[in-house]
N, C-alpha and C. Protein backbone atom coordinates (compact mmCIF):
# COMPACT_ATOMS: atom_id res chain seq x y z
N LEU A 1 42.63 90.24 127.80
CA LEU A 1 44.06 89.93 127.74
C LEU A 1 44.84 91.09 128.34
N THR A 2 45.71 90.81 129.29
CA THR A 2 46.57 91.80 129.91
C THR A 2 48.00 91.60 129.42
N LEU A 3 48.59 92.65 128.89
CA LEU A 3 49.96 92.57 128.41
C LEU A 3 50.91 92.92 129.54
N ARG A 4 51.81 91.98 129.86
CA ARG A 4 52.77 92.20 130.94
C ARG A 4 54.09 92.73 130.39
N HIS A 5 54.77 93.50 131.23
CA HIS A 5 56.08 94.06 130.91
C HIS A 5 56.02 95.07 129.77
N ALA A 6 54.84 95.63 129.50
CA ALA A 6 54.69 96.61 128.42
C ALA A 6 54.57 98.03 128.95
N GLU A 7 54.71 98.20 130.28
CA GLU A 7 54.54 99.51 130.87
C GLU A 7 55.65 100.46 130.39
N GLY A 8 55.28 101.73 130.21
CA GLY A 8 56.26 102.74 129.90
C GLY A 8 56.63 102.86 128.43
N PHE A 9 55.97 102.08 127.58
CA PHE A 9 56.31 102.14 126.16
C PHE A 9 55.41 103.10 125.39
N GLY A 10 54.47 103.76 126.06
CA GLY A 10 53.66 104.78 125.40
C GLY A 10 52.64 104.19 124.44
N ASN A 11 52.33 104.96 123.39
CA ASN A 11 51.30 104.55 122.43
C ASN A 11 51.73 103.34 121.63
N ILE A 12 50.74 102.52 121.24
CA ILE A 12 50.96 101.46 120.26
C ILE A 12 50.55 102.02 118.90
N ASN A 13 51.52 102.27 118.04
CA ASN A 13 51.28 102.96 116.78
C ASN A 13 51.05 102.02 115.61
N ALA A 14 51.52 100.77 115.72
CA ALA A 14 51.34 99.81 114.63
C ALA A 14 51.53 98.40 115.19
N MET A 15 50.94 97.42 114.50
CA MET A 15 51.04 96.02 114.91
C MET A 15 51.34 95.15 113.69
N LEU A 16 52.06 94.05 113.92
CA LEU A 16 52.40 93.14 112.84
C LEU A 16 52.38 91.71 113.38
N SER A 17 51.64 90.84 112.71
CA SER A 17 51.56 89.45 113.14
C SER A 17 52.89 88.75 112.90
N LEU A 18 53.33 87.97 113.89
CA LEU A 18 54.54 87.16 113.76
C LEU A 18 54.21 85.69 113.55
N GLY A 19 52.89 85.36 113.52
CA GLY A 19 52.49 83.97 113.39
C GLY A 19 52.66 83.22 114.71
N ARG A 20 52.02 82.06 114.80
CA ARG A 20 52.13 81.20 115.98
C ARG A 20 51.81 81.95 117.27
N GLY A 21 50.81 82.84 117.20
CA GLY A 21 50.37 83.54 118.40
C GLY A 21 51.25 84.68 118.82
N GLY A 22 52.15 85.14 117.95
CA GLY A 22 53.03 86.24 118.29
C GLY A 22 52.64 87.52 117.58
N MET A 23 53.00 88.65 118.15
CA MET A 23 52.69 89.94 117.58
C MET A 23 53.82 90.91 117.89
N LEU A 24 54.17 91.73 116.90
CA LEU A 24 55.18 92.76 117.08
C LEU A 24 54.48 94.10 117.20
N LEU A 25 54.76 94.84 118.25
CA LEU A 25 54.13 96.14 118.49
C LEU A 25 55.14 97.25 118.30
N ALA A 26 54.75 98.27 117.54
CA ALA A 26 55.56 99.47 117.37
C ALA A 26 55.05 100.52 118.35
N THR A 27 55.92 101.02 119.21
CA THR A 27 55.52 101.96 120.25
C THR A 27 56.34 103.24 120.15
N ASN A 28 56.09 104.14 121.09
CA ASN A 28 56.86 105.38 121.15
C ASN A 28 58.26 105.16 121.69
N ARG A 29 58.53 103.94 122.19
CA ARG A 29 59.83 103.67 122.80
C ARG A 29 60.44 102.37 122.31
N GLY A 30 60.16 102.01 121.08
CA GLY A 30 60.80 100.84 120.51
C GLY A 30 59.82 99.74 120.14
N LEU A 31 60.39 98.56 119.87
CA LEU A 31 59.63 97.40 119.42
C LEU A 31 59.42 96.43 120.57
N LEU A 32 58.18 95.91 120.65
CA LEU A 32 57.84 94.90 121.65
C LEU A 32 57.38 93.63 120.95
N VAL A 33 57.88 92.50 121.40
CA VAL A 33 57.39 91.21 120.93
C VAL A 33 56.45 90.65 121.99
N CYS A 34 55.20 90.34 121.57
CA CYS A 34 54.19 89.86 122.52
C CYS A 34 53.73 88.46 122.14
N ARG A 35 53.53 87.63 123.14
CA ARG A 35 52.95 86.30 122.97
C ARG A 35 51.52 86.36 123.49
N LEU A 36 50.54 86.20 122.58
CA LEU A 36 49.15 86.38 122.96
C LEU A 36 48.67 85.31 123.91
N SER A 37 49.27 84.13 123.87
CA SER A 37 48.83 83.05 124.75
C SER A 37 49.14 83.34 126.21
N THR A 38 50.21 84.09 126.46
CA THR A 38 50.62 84.38 127.83
C THR A 38 50.45 85.85 128.20
N GLY A 39 50.31 86.73 127.18
CA GLY A 39 50.25 88.16 127.44
C GLY A 39 51.58 88.78 127.76
N ASP A 40 52.66 88.04 127.54
CA ASP A 40 53.99 88.51 127.88
C ASP A 40 54.57 89.35 126.75
N CYS A 41 55.07 90.54 127.06
CA CYS A 41 55.68 91.43 126.08
C CYS A 41 57.10 91.76 126.50
N ARG A 42 58.01 91.70 125.54
CA ARG A 42 59.42 91.99 125.82
C ARG A 42 59.99 92.85 124.69
N PRO A 43 60.98 93.70 125.00
CA PRO A 43 61.67 94.40 123.91
C PRO A 43 62.25 93.41 122.92
N MET A 44 62.20 93.75 121.65
CA MET A 44 62.67 92.84 120.61
C MET A 44 64.14 92.52 120.81
N ALA A 45 64.46 91.24 120.88
CA ALA A 45 65.84 90.80 121.05
C ALA A 45 66.42 90.41 119.71
N GLY A 46 67.73 90.54 119.58
CA GLY A 46 68.41 90.13 118.36
C GLY A 46 68.16 91.04 117.18
N GLY A 47 67.53 92.19 117.42
CA GLY A 47 67.23 93.10 116.33
C GLY A 47 68.13 94.31 116.26
N GLY A 48 69.21 94.30 117.08
CA GLY A 48 70.10 95.45 117.07
C GLY A 48 69.44 96.65 117.73
N GLN A 49 70.04 97.81 117.56
CA GLN A 49 69.54 99.02 118.18
C GLN A 49 69.02 99.97 117.11
N LEU A 50 67.76 100.38 117.26
CA LEU A 50 67.21 101.40 116.38
C LEU A 50 67.78 102.76 116.78
N SER A 51 67.99 103.61 115.79
CA SER A 51 68.51 104.94 116.09
C SER A 51 67.40 105.88 116.56
N ASP A 52 66.15 105.50 116.32
CA ASP A 52 65.00 106.28 116.77
C ASP A 52 63.92 105.30 117.20
N ASN A 53 63.52 105.35 118.46
CA ASN A 53 62.56 104.38 118.98
C ASN A 53 61.11 104.81 118.87
N LEU A 54 60.83 106.01 118.31
CA LEU A 54 59.45 106.41 118.09
C LEU A 54 59.06 105.89 116.71
N ILE A 55 58.26 104.81 116.69
CA ILE A 55 57.99 104.06 115.46
C ILE A 55 56.55 104.30 115.02
N HIS A 56 56.37 104.66 113.74
CA HIS A 56 55.05 104.95 113.20
C HIS A 56 54.41 103.74 112.50
N ALA A 57 55.21 102.93 111.81
CA ALA A 57 54.63 101.87 110.97
C ALA A 57 55.60 100.71 110.83
N LEU A 58 55.02 99.53 110.57
CA LEU A 58 55.78 98.30 110.36
C LEU A 58 55.29 97.61 109.10
N MET A 59 56.19 96.89 108.44
CA MET A 59 55.78 96.09 107.28
C MET A 59 56.79 94.98 107.06
N ARG A 60 56.31 93.82 106.64
CA ARG A 60 57.18 92.73 106.20
C ARG A 60 56.92 92.52 104.71
N ASP A 61 57.97 92.63 103.89
CA ASP A 61 57.77 92.52 102.45
C ASP A 61 57.77 91.06 102.00
N ALA A 62 57.66 90.86 100.68
CA ALA A 62 57.53 89.51 100.14
C ALA A 62 58.76 88.65 100.41
N ALA A 63 59.91 89.28 100.61
CA ALA A 63 61.15 88.54 100.89
C ALA A 63 61.34 88.25 102.37
N GLY A 64 60.41 88.72 103.21
CA GLY A 64 60.50 88.48 104.64
C GLY A 64 61.25 89.54 105.41
N THR A 65 61.69 90.60 104.73
CA THR A 65 62.41 91.68 105.40
C THR A 65 61.45 92.51 106.24
N LEU A 66 61.85 92.82 107.46
CA LEU A 66 61.06 93.67 108.34
C LEU A 66 61.49 95.12 108.14
N TRP A 67 60.52 95.99 107.83
CA TRP A 67 60.78 97.42 107.63
C TRP A 67 60.14 98.20 108.78
N VAL A 68 60.90 99.15 109.33
CA VAL A 68 60.47 99.93 110.48
C VAL A 68 60.57 101.41 110.12
N MET A 69 59.42 102.12 110.15
CA MET A 69 59.38 103.54 109.82
C MET A 69 59.36 104.35 111.11
N THR A 70 60.37 105.23 111.28
CA THR A 70 60.53 105.97 112.52
C THR A 70 60.23 107.45 112.33
N ASN A 71 60.21 108.17 113.44
CA ASN A 71 59.79 109.57 113.41
C ASN A 71 60.86 110.50 112.85
N ASN A 72 62.11 110.32 113.27
CA ASN A 72 63.16 111.27 112.91
C ASN A 72 64.33 110.68 112.16
N GLU A 73 64.41 109.35 112.07
CA GLU A 73 65.60 108.73 111.50
C GLU A 73 65.30 107.85 110.29
N GLY A 74 64.20 108.15 109.59
CA GLY A 74 63.93 107.45 108.35
C GLY A 74 63.50 106.01 108.52
N VAL A 75 64.07 105.13 107.70
CA VAL A 75 63.64 103.74 107.63
C VAL A 75 64.77 102.83 108.08
N SER A 76 64.44 101.85 108.92
CA SER A 76 65.38 100.79 109.27
C SER A 76 64.80 99.47 108.77
N TYR A 77 65.67 98.54 108.41
CA TYR A 77 65.17 97.26 107.94
C TYR A 77 66.03 96.12 108.48
N LEU A 78 65.37 94.99 108.69
CA LEU A 78 66.00 93.82 109.29
C LEU A 78 65.87 92.66 108.31
N PRO A 79 66.89 92.43 107.46
CA PRO A 79 66.77 91.37 106.46
C PRO A 79 66.90 89.97 107.04
N ASP A 80 67.49 89.86 108.22
CA ASP A 80 67.69 88.55 108.85
C ASP A 80 67.53 88.72 110.35
N PRO A 81 66.66 87.93 111.00
CA PRO A 81 66.44 88.10 112.44
C PRO A 81 67.70 87.96 113.27
N ASP A 82 68.76 87.31 112.74
CA ASP A 82 69.98 87.14 113.51
C ASP A 82 70.96 88.28 113.33
N LYS A 83 70.60 89.28 112.53
CA LYS A 83 71.47 90.42 112.29
C LYS A 83 70.83 91.68 112.85
N GLY A 84 71.62 92.72 112.98
CA GLY A 84 71.11 93.98 113.49
C GLY A 84 70.39 94.77 112.41
N PHE A 85 69.77 95.88 112.82
CA PHE A 85 69.09 96.76 111.88
C PHE A 85 70.12 97.50 111.03
N LEU A 86 69.82 97.66 109.75
CA LEU A 86 70.62 98.49 108.86
C LEU A 86 69.89 99.81 108.70
N PHE A 87 70.61 100.89 108.89
CA PHE A 87 69.99 102.22 108.93
C PHE A 87 70.17 102.93 107.60
N GLU A 88 69.08 103.41 107.02
CA GLU A 88 69.13 104.19 105.80
C GLU A 88 68.49 105.55 106.07
N PRO A 89 69.31 106.59 106.25
CA PRO A 89 68.75 107.91 106.57
C PRO A 89 67.93 108.45 105.41
N MET A 90 66.91 109.21 105.73
CA MET A 90 66.07 109.85 104.73
C MET A 90 66.20 111.36 104.92
N VAL A 91 66.97 111.99 104.05
CA VAL A 91 67.21 113.43 104.13
C VAL A 91 66.86 114.05 102.78
N TYR A 92 66.12 115.16 102.82
CA TYR A 92 65.74 115.86 101.60
C TYR A 92 65.85 117.35 101.84
N ASN A 93 66.62 118.03 100.98
CA ASN A 93 66.86 119.47 101.13
C ASN A 93 67.39 119.82 102.51
N GLY A 94 68.22 118.94 103.04
CA GLY A 94 68.84 119.19 104.34
C GLY A 94 67.97 118.86 105.53
N ASN A 95 66.75 118.39 105.31
CA ASN A 95 65.84 118.07 106.41
C ASN A 95 65.61 116.57 106.51
N ARG A 96 65.60 116.06 107.71
CA ARG A 96 65.26 114.66 107.92
C ARG A 96 63.76 114.46 107.68
N LEU A 97 63.44 113.44 106.92
CA LEU A 97 62.05 113.17 106.61
C LEU A 97 61.42 112.31 107.70
N ILE A 98 60.20 112.65 108.08
CA ILE A 98 59.40 111.80 108.96
C ILE A 98 58.66 110.81 108.07
N VAL A 99 58.91 109.52 108.26
CA VAL A 99 58.28 108.48 107.45
C VAL A 99 57.05 107.96 108.18
N HIS A 100 55.88 108.17 107.59
CA HIS A 100 54.62 107.77 108.22
C HIS A 100 54.08 106.44 107.71
N ALA A 101 54.38 106.10 106.46
CA ALA A 101 53.71 104.94 105.86
C ALA A 101 54.59 104.30 104.81
N PHE A 102 54.22 103.07 104.46
CA PHE A 102 55.04 102.25 103.58
C PHE A 102 54.13 101.36 102.75
N ALA A 103 54.50 101.13 101.48
CA ALA A 103 53.72 100.23 100.64
C ALA A 103 54.64 99.58 99.61
N GLU A 104 54.25 98.38 99.18
CA GLU A 104 54.97 97.66 98.13
C GLU A 104 53.98 97.27 97.05
N THR A 105 54.23 97.70 95.81
CA THR A 105 53.36 97.35 94.70
C THR A 105 53.71 95.96 94.18
N PRO A 106 52.79 95.32 93.44
CA PRO A 106 53.03 93.95 92.98
C PRO A 106 54.31 93.77 92.16
N ASP A 107 54.80 94.85 91.54
CA ASP A 107 56.02 94.75 90.75
C ASP A 107 57.28 94.84 91.61
N GLY A 108 57.10 94.90 92.95
CA GLY A 108 58.24 94.92 93.86
C GLY A 108 58.77 96.29 94.20
N ARG A 109 58.15 97.35 93.67
CA ARG A 109 58.61 98.69 93.99
C ARG A 109 58.16 99.10 95.39
N LEU A 110 59.05 99.80 96.11
CA LEU A 110 58.78 100.23 97.46
C LEU A 110 58.45 101.72 97.46
N TRP A 111 57.47 102.10 98.26
CA TRP A 111 57.01 103.48 98.34
C TRP A 111 56.98 103.93 99.79
N LEU A 112 57.46 105.13 100.05
CA LEU A 112 57.49 105.69 101.39
C LEU A 112 56.66 106.96 101.44
N GLY A 113 55.69 107.00 102.35
CA GLY A 113 54.91 108.20 102.57
C GLY A 113 55.55 109.02 103.67
N THR A 114 55.99 110.24 103.35
CA THR A 114 56.75 111.05 104.29
C THR A 114 56.10 112.41 104.52
N SER A 115 56.77 113.20 105.35
CA SER A 115 56.30 114.55 105.66
C SER A 115 56.47 115.50 104.48
N HIS A 116 57.17 115.07 103.41
CA HIS A 116 57.38 115.93 102.25
C HIS A 116 56.98 115.26 100.94
N GLY A 117 56.08 114.29 101.00
CA GLY A 117 55.61 113.66 99.78
C GLY A 117 55.92 112.18 99.72
N LEU A 118 55.75 111.63 98.52
CA LEU A 118 55.94 110.20 98.29
C LEU A 118 57.34 109.96 97.73
N PHE A 119 58.09 109.06 98.37
CA PHE A 119 59.48 108.82 98.00
C PHE A 119 59.68 107.35 97.66
N ARG A 120 60.77 107.09 96.92
CA ARG A 120 61.28 105.74 96.72
C ARG A 120 62.61 105.64 97.43
N PRO A 121 62.93 104.50 98.09
CA PRO A 121 64.24 104.37 98.75
C PRO A 121 65.37 104.52 97.73
N GLY A 122 66.45 105.15 98.17
CA GLY A 122 67.60 105.34 97.29
C GLY A 122 68.67 106.16 97.98
N SER A 123 69.85 106.23 97.36
CA SER A 123 70.96 106.94 97.97
C SER A 123 70.73 108.45 98.00
N GLU A 124 69.96 108.97 97.03
CA GLU A 124 69.63 110.39 96.98
C GLU A 124 68.10 110.53 96.88
N PRO A 125 67.41 110.48 98.02
CA PRO A 125 65.94 110.50 97.98
C PRO A 125 65.40 111.76 97.31
N MET A 126 64.44 111.54 96.43
CA MET A 126 63.72 112.63 95.77
C MET A 126 62.24 112.29 95.76
N PRO A 127 61.39 113.28 95.97
CA PRO A 127 59.95 112.99 95.93
C PRO A 127 59.53 112.59 94.52
N VAL A 128 58.78 111.52 94.42
CA VAL A 128 58.34 111.04 93.11
C VAL A 128 56.89 111.40 92.83
N ALA A 129 56.16 111.82 93.83
CA ALA A 129 54.76 112.19 93.65
C ALA A 129 54.29 113.00 94.86
N VAL A 130 53.12 113.63 94.70
CA VAL A 130 52.48 114.45 95.74
C VAL A 130 53.52 115.24 96.54
N ARG A 131 54.34 115.98 95.84
CA ARG A 131 55.43 116.73 96.46
C ARG A 131 54.91 117.75 97.45
N GLY A 132 55.57 117.84 98.58
CA GLY A 132 55.23 118.82 99.59
C GLY A 132 54.08 118.44 100.50
N GLN A 133 53.38 117.35 100.19
CA GLN A 133 52.27 116.94 101.04
C GLN A 133 52.77 116.07 102.20
N ASP A 134 52.09 116.19 103.32
CA ASP A 134 52.40 115.36 104.49
C ASP A 134 51.58 114.08 104.38
N ILE A 135 52.21 113.00 103.90
CA ILE A 135 51.51 111.74 103.65
C ILE A 135 51.39 110.96 104.95
N GLN A 136 50.14 110.64 105.32
CA GLN A 136 49.90 109.93 106.59
C GLN A 136 49.66 108.44 106.40
N CYS A 137 49.22 108.01 105.20
CA CYS A 137 48.90 106.60 105.00
C CYS A 137 49.03 106.26 103.52
N LEU A 138 49.32 104.98 103.26
CA LEU A 138 49.47 104.46 101.91
C LEU A 138 48.81 103.10 101.81
N THR A 139 48.33 102.77 100.61
CA THR A 139 47.90 101.40 100.34
C THR A 139 47.97 101.18 98.84
N VAL A 140 48.04 99.93 98.44
CA VAL A 140 48.02 99.58 97.02
C VAL A 140 46.58 99.28 96.64
N PHE A 141 46.10 99.95 95.61
CA PHE A 141 44.71 99.82 95.16
C PHE A 141 44.73 99.48 93.68
N GLY A 142 44.56 98.20 93.36
CA GLY A 142 44.71 97.77 91.98
C GLY A 142 46.14 97.95 91.53
N HIS A 143 46.33 98.70 90.45
CA HIS A 143 47.67 99.00 89.94
C HIS A 143 48.18 100.35 90.44
N ASP A 144 47.40 101.01 91.29
CA ASP A 144 47.76 102.34 91.78
C ASP A 144 48.25 102.28 93.22
N VAL A 145 48.95 103.34 93.60
CA VAL A 145 49.25 103.60 95.00
C VAL A 145 48.32 104.72 95.46
N ALA A 146 47.60 104.49 96.55
CA ALA A 146 46.72 105.51 97.12
C ALA A 146 47.43 106.14 98.31
N ALA A 147 47.51 107.47 98.30
CA ALA A 147 48.21 108.21 99.34
C ALA A 147 47.26 109.19 100.01
N GLY A 148 47.11 109.06 101.33
CA GLY A 148 46.27 109.97 102.09
C GLY A 148 47.13 110.99 102.82
N SER A 149 46.80 112.27 102.67
CA SER A 149 47.62 113.33 103.26
C SER A 149 46.90 114.00 104.42
N LYS A 150 47.66 114.83 105.12
CA LYS A 150 47.12 115.49 106.31
C LYS A 150 46.18 116.64 105.96
N GLN A 151 46.44 117.30 104.81
CA GLN A 151 45.65 118.49 104.46
C GLN A 151 45.14 118.49 103.02
N ASP A 152 45.62 117.57 102.19
CA ASP A 152 45.34 117.67 100.76
C ASP A 152 44.54 116.50 100.20
N GLY A 153 43.83 115.76 101.04
CA GLY A 153 42.95 114.72 100.56
C GLY A 153 43.65 113.45 100.14
N LEU A 154 43.09 112.80 99.11
CA LEU A 154 43.53 111.49 98.65
C LEU A 154 44.05 111.58 97.22
N THR A 155 45.21 110.98 96.97
CA THR A 155 45.80 111.00 95.64
C THR A 155 46.10 109.58 95.19
N PHE A 156 45.73 109.26 93.94
CA PHE A 156 46.10 107.98 93.33
C PHE A 156 47.26 108.23 92.36
N ILE A 157 48.27 107.37 92.43
CA ILE A 157 49.43 107.46 91.55
C ILE A 157 49.53 106.16 90.77
N ASP A 158 49.49 106.25 89.42
CA ASP A 158 49.57 105.03 88.63
C ASP A 158 51.02 104.68 88.32
N GLY A 159 51.23 103.58 87.59
CA GLY A 159 52.58 103.11 87.32
C GLY A 159 53.43 104.07 86.51
N ALA A 160 52.78 104.95 85.76
CA ALA A 160 53.51 105.94 84.96
C ALA A 160 53.78 107.23 85.72
N GLY A 161 53.32 107.30 86.98
CA GLY A 161 53.54 108.49 87.78
C GLY A 161 52.46 109.54 87.67
N ASN A 162 51.38 109.24 86.93
CA ASN A 162 50.27 110.18 86.83
C ASN A 162 49.48 110.23 88.13
N GLU A 163 49.06 111.42 88.49
CA GLU A 163 48.36 111.62 89.76
C GLU A 163 46.91 112.04 89.53
N ALA A 164 46.01 111.47 90.34
CA ALA A 164 44.60 111.88 90.35
C ALA A 164 44.24 112.20 91.79
N ARG A 165 43.88 113.45 92.06
CA ARG A 165 43.65 113.89 93.43
C ARG A 165 42.16 114.11 93.68
N PHE A 166 41.72 113.71 94.89
CA PHE A 166 40.34 113.90 95.31
C PHE A 166 40.34 114.62 96.67
N ALA A 167 39.46 115.61 96.79
CA ALA A 167 39.43 116.42 98.00
C ALA A 167 38.00 116.71 98.41
N TYR A 168 37.85 117.13 99.65
CA TYR A 168 36.55 117.55 100.17
C TYR A 168 36.10 118.84 99.49
N SER A 169 34.82 118.92 99.19
CA SER A 169 34.24 120.16 98.68
C SER A 169 32.87 120.37 99.31
N PRO A 170 32.63 121.53 99.90
CA PRO A 170 31.31 121.80 100.48
C PRO A 170 30.24 122.04 99.42
N ASP A 171 30.66 122.24 98.17
CA ASP A 171 29.73 122.58 97.10
C ASP A 171 29.37 121.40 96.21
N LYS A 172 29.98 120.23 96.43
CA LYS A 172 29.73 119.07 95.59
C LYS A 172 29.32 117.88 96.44
N PRO A 173 28.40 117.06 95.94
CA PRO A 173 28.04 115.85 96.69
C PRO A 173 29.09 114.75 96.48
N TYR A 174 29.11 113.80 97.38
CA TYR A 174 29.92 112.59 97.26
C TYR A 174 31.42 112.88 97.16
N THR A 175 31.89 113.81 97.98
CA THR A 175 33.33 114.03 98.08
C THR A 175 33.81 113.47 99.40
N LEU A 176 35.11 113.56 99.64
CA LEU A 176 35.67 113.10 100.90
C LEU A 176 35.02 113.83 102.08
N ALA A 177 34.97 113.14 103.22
CA ALA A 177 34.43 113.76 104.43
C ALA A 177 35.35 114.86 104.94
N SER A 178 36.64 114.74 104.64
CA SER A 178 37.63 115.71 105.10
C SER A 178 38.89 115.52 104.27
N ASN A 179 39.71 116.56 104.19
CA ASN A 179 40.99 116.44 103.49
C ASN A 179 42.09 115.87 104.38
N ASN A 180 41.78 115.64 105.64
CA ASN A 180 42.73 115.02 106.56
C ASN A 180 42.50 113.51 106.54
N VAL A 181 43.20 112.81 105.64
CA VAL A 181 43.03 111.37 105.47
C VAL A 181 44.02 110.65 106.38
N GLN A 182 43.49 109.87 107.31
CA GLN A 182 44.34 109.27 108.34
C GLN A 182 44.56 107.78 108.17
N SER A 183 43.69 107.10 107.41
CA SER A 183 43.86 105.66 107.23
C SER A 183 43.18 105.20 105.95
N LEU A 184 43.71 104.12 105.37
CA LEU A 184 43.18 103.53 104.15
C LEU A 184 43.13 102.03 104.29
N LEU A 185 42.07 101.42 103.75
CA LEU A 185 41.94 99.96 103.82
C LEU A 185 41.28 99.45 102.54
N VAL A 186 41.92 98.46 101.91
CA VAL A 186 41.31 97.75 100.79
C VAL A 186 40.74 96.45 101.35
N ALA A 187 39.41 96.31 101.28
CA ALA A 187 38.73 95.14 101.84
C ALA A 187 38.91 93.93 100.92
N HIS A 188 38.46 92.75 101.40
CA HIS A 188 38.63 91.51 100.64
C HIS A 188 37.88 91.55 99.31
N ASP A 189 36.84 92.39 99.23
CA ASP A 189 36.07 92.49 97.99
C ASP A 189 36.61 93.57 97.05
N GLY A 190 37.76 94.16 97.40
CA GLY A 190 38.38 95.16 96.55
C GLY A 190 37.92 96.58 96.78
N GLN A 191 36.99 96.80 97.71
CA GLN A 191 36.52 98.15 98.00
C GLN A 191 37.56 98.92 98.81
N LEU A 192 37.70 100.20 98.51
CA LEU A 192 38.63 101.06 99.24
C LEU A 192 37.86 101.90 100.25
N TYR A 193 38.26 101.82 101.51
CA TYR A 193 37.66 102.62 102.58
C TYR A 193 38.66 103.67 103.05
N VAL A 194 38.15 104.88 103.28
CA VAL A 194 38.99 106.02 103.61
C VAL A 194 38.57 106.56 104.98
N GLY A 195 39.49 106.54 105.92
CA GLY A 195 39.23 107.08 107.25
C GLY A 195 39.80 108.48 107.38
N THR A 196 38.95 109.44 107.76
CA THR A 196 39.39 110.82 107.94
C THR A 196 39.07 111.27 109.36
N ASN A 197 39.48 112.48 109.69
CA ASN A 197 39.16 113.00 111.02
C ASN A 197 37.70 113.41 111.15
N TRP A 198 36.92 113.31 110.03
CA TRP A 198 35.50 113.63 110.09
C TRP A 198 34.62 112.48 109.64
N GLY A 199 35.17 111.28 109.57
CA GLY A 199 34.33 110.14 109.27
C GLY A 199 34.93 109.17 108.27
N LEU A 200 34.16 108.12 108.00
CA LEU A 200 34.59 107.02 107.13
C LEU A 200 33.82 107.06 105.82
N SER A 201 34.54 106.86 104.70
CA SER A 201 33.92 106.85 103.38
C SER A 201 34.37 105.64 102.59
N ARG A 202 33.53 105.25 101.62
CA ARG A 202 33.89 104.21 100.66
C ARG A 202 34.04 104.86 99.28
N TYR A 203 35.12 104.54 98.60
CA TYR A 203 35.37 105.11 97.28
C TYR A 203 34.83 104.18 96.19
N ASP A 204 34.05 104.75 95.27
CA ASP A 204 33.52 104.01 94.14
C ASP A 204 34.37 104.35 92.91
N ARG A 205 35.12 103.37 92.43
CA ARG A 205 36.05 103.63 91.35
C ARG A 205 35.34 103.96 90.03
N ALA A 206 34.16 103.38 89.82
CA ALA A 206 33.44 103.60 88.57
C ALA A 206 32.96 105.04 88.43
N THR A 207 32.51 105.62 89.55
CA THR A 207 31.95 106.98 89.50
C THR A 207 32.87 108.03 90.12
N HIS A 208 33.92 107.58 90.81
CA HIS A 208 34.83 108.48 91.55
C HIS A 208 34.09 109.21 92.67
N ASN A 209 33.03 108.59 93.17
CA ASN A 209 32.29 109.16 94.29
C ASN A 209 32.74 108.54 95.61
N PHE A 210 32.54 109.31 96.69
CA PHE A 210 32.81 108.84 98.03
C PHE A 210 31.49 108.79 98.80
N TYR A 211 31.17 107.62 99.33
CA TYR A 211 29.91 107.43 100.04
C TYR A 211 30.19 107.29 101.54
N GLY A 212 29.58 108.17 102.32
CA GLY A 212 29.84 108.21 103.75
C GLY A 212 29.18 107.07 104.50
N TYR A 213 29.92 106.45 105.42
CA TYR A 213 29.39 105.44 106.31
C TYR A 213 29.25 105.95 107.73
N LEU A 214 30.15 106.85 108.10
CA LEU A 214 30.14 107.35 109.47
C LEU A 214 30.58 108.80 109.43
N GLN A 215 29.78 109.67 110.02
CA GLN A 215 30.13 111.08 110.13
C GLN A 215 30.30 111.43 111.60
N ILE A 216 31.35 112.19 111.90
CA ILE A 216 31.60 112.61 113.27
C ILE A 216 30.91 113.94 113.51
N SER A 217 30.10 114.00 114.54
CA SER A 217 29.35 115.23 114.85
C SER A 217 30.30 116.35 115.22
N SER A 218 29.91 117.57 114.87
CA SER A 218 30.71 118.75 115.26
C SER A 218 30.69 118.95 116.76
N MET A 219 29.78 118.26 117.46
CA MET A 219 29.72 118.36 118.92
C MET A 219 30.61 117.34 119.60
N THR A 220 31.28 116.49 118.82
CA THR A 220 32.15 115.48 119.42
C THR A 220 33.36 116.18 120.04
N PRO A 221 33.66 115.90 121.32
CA PRO A 221 34.79 116.59 121.95
C PRO A 221 36.10 116.12 121.38
């Protein structure tokens, strides 16, 4: 499949199915709507203007709202395709937060993984967990939120705000392959897979062990 009219948009950082053979692509230069049957890609129409076109993540919540996580301008959301984006800045201690990831728990609570920890949307953003960590990915795992950071491993946050952190250790077996957690996936069977810069692991909730599936050689360029 060759995508037409997609030149110059840089990296594809996230994808979201639009149904009926459509796909929304988040790039370094904005949003692209692609039709897989024709390979045609166009800048998103009717979505207003984003204040920052470097987009890290996309999500559509249970109400159908489209959420767009950007590099420097926080979170934008599109509650109705016929309306423009509404901008909600994310500023903490005078610094704009880089929003890397997004998750919604079954109770409807929204969670934002940022460059300064885990936040909840609000008029006065404050970190609610894993403060100071650069959160790269989020997923809902049972009743917990799982947060993968750039340097501090994997943290589970339960509904009461309690945190359980897991990190790589050269002295213990069955730990994370690396503390740089870059992706998380809950499979159809409920297993949690953790992607790091040094390989892929599966987390066993009963034993709290991590079992490696793929290790990256130190000789890999």
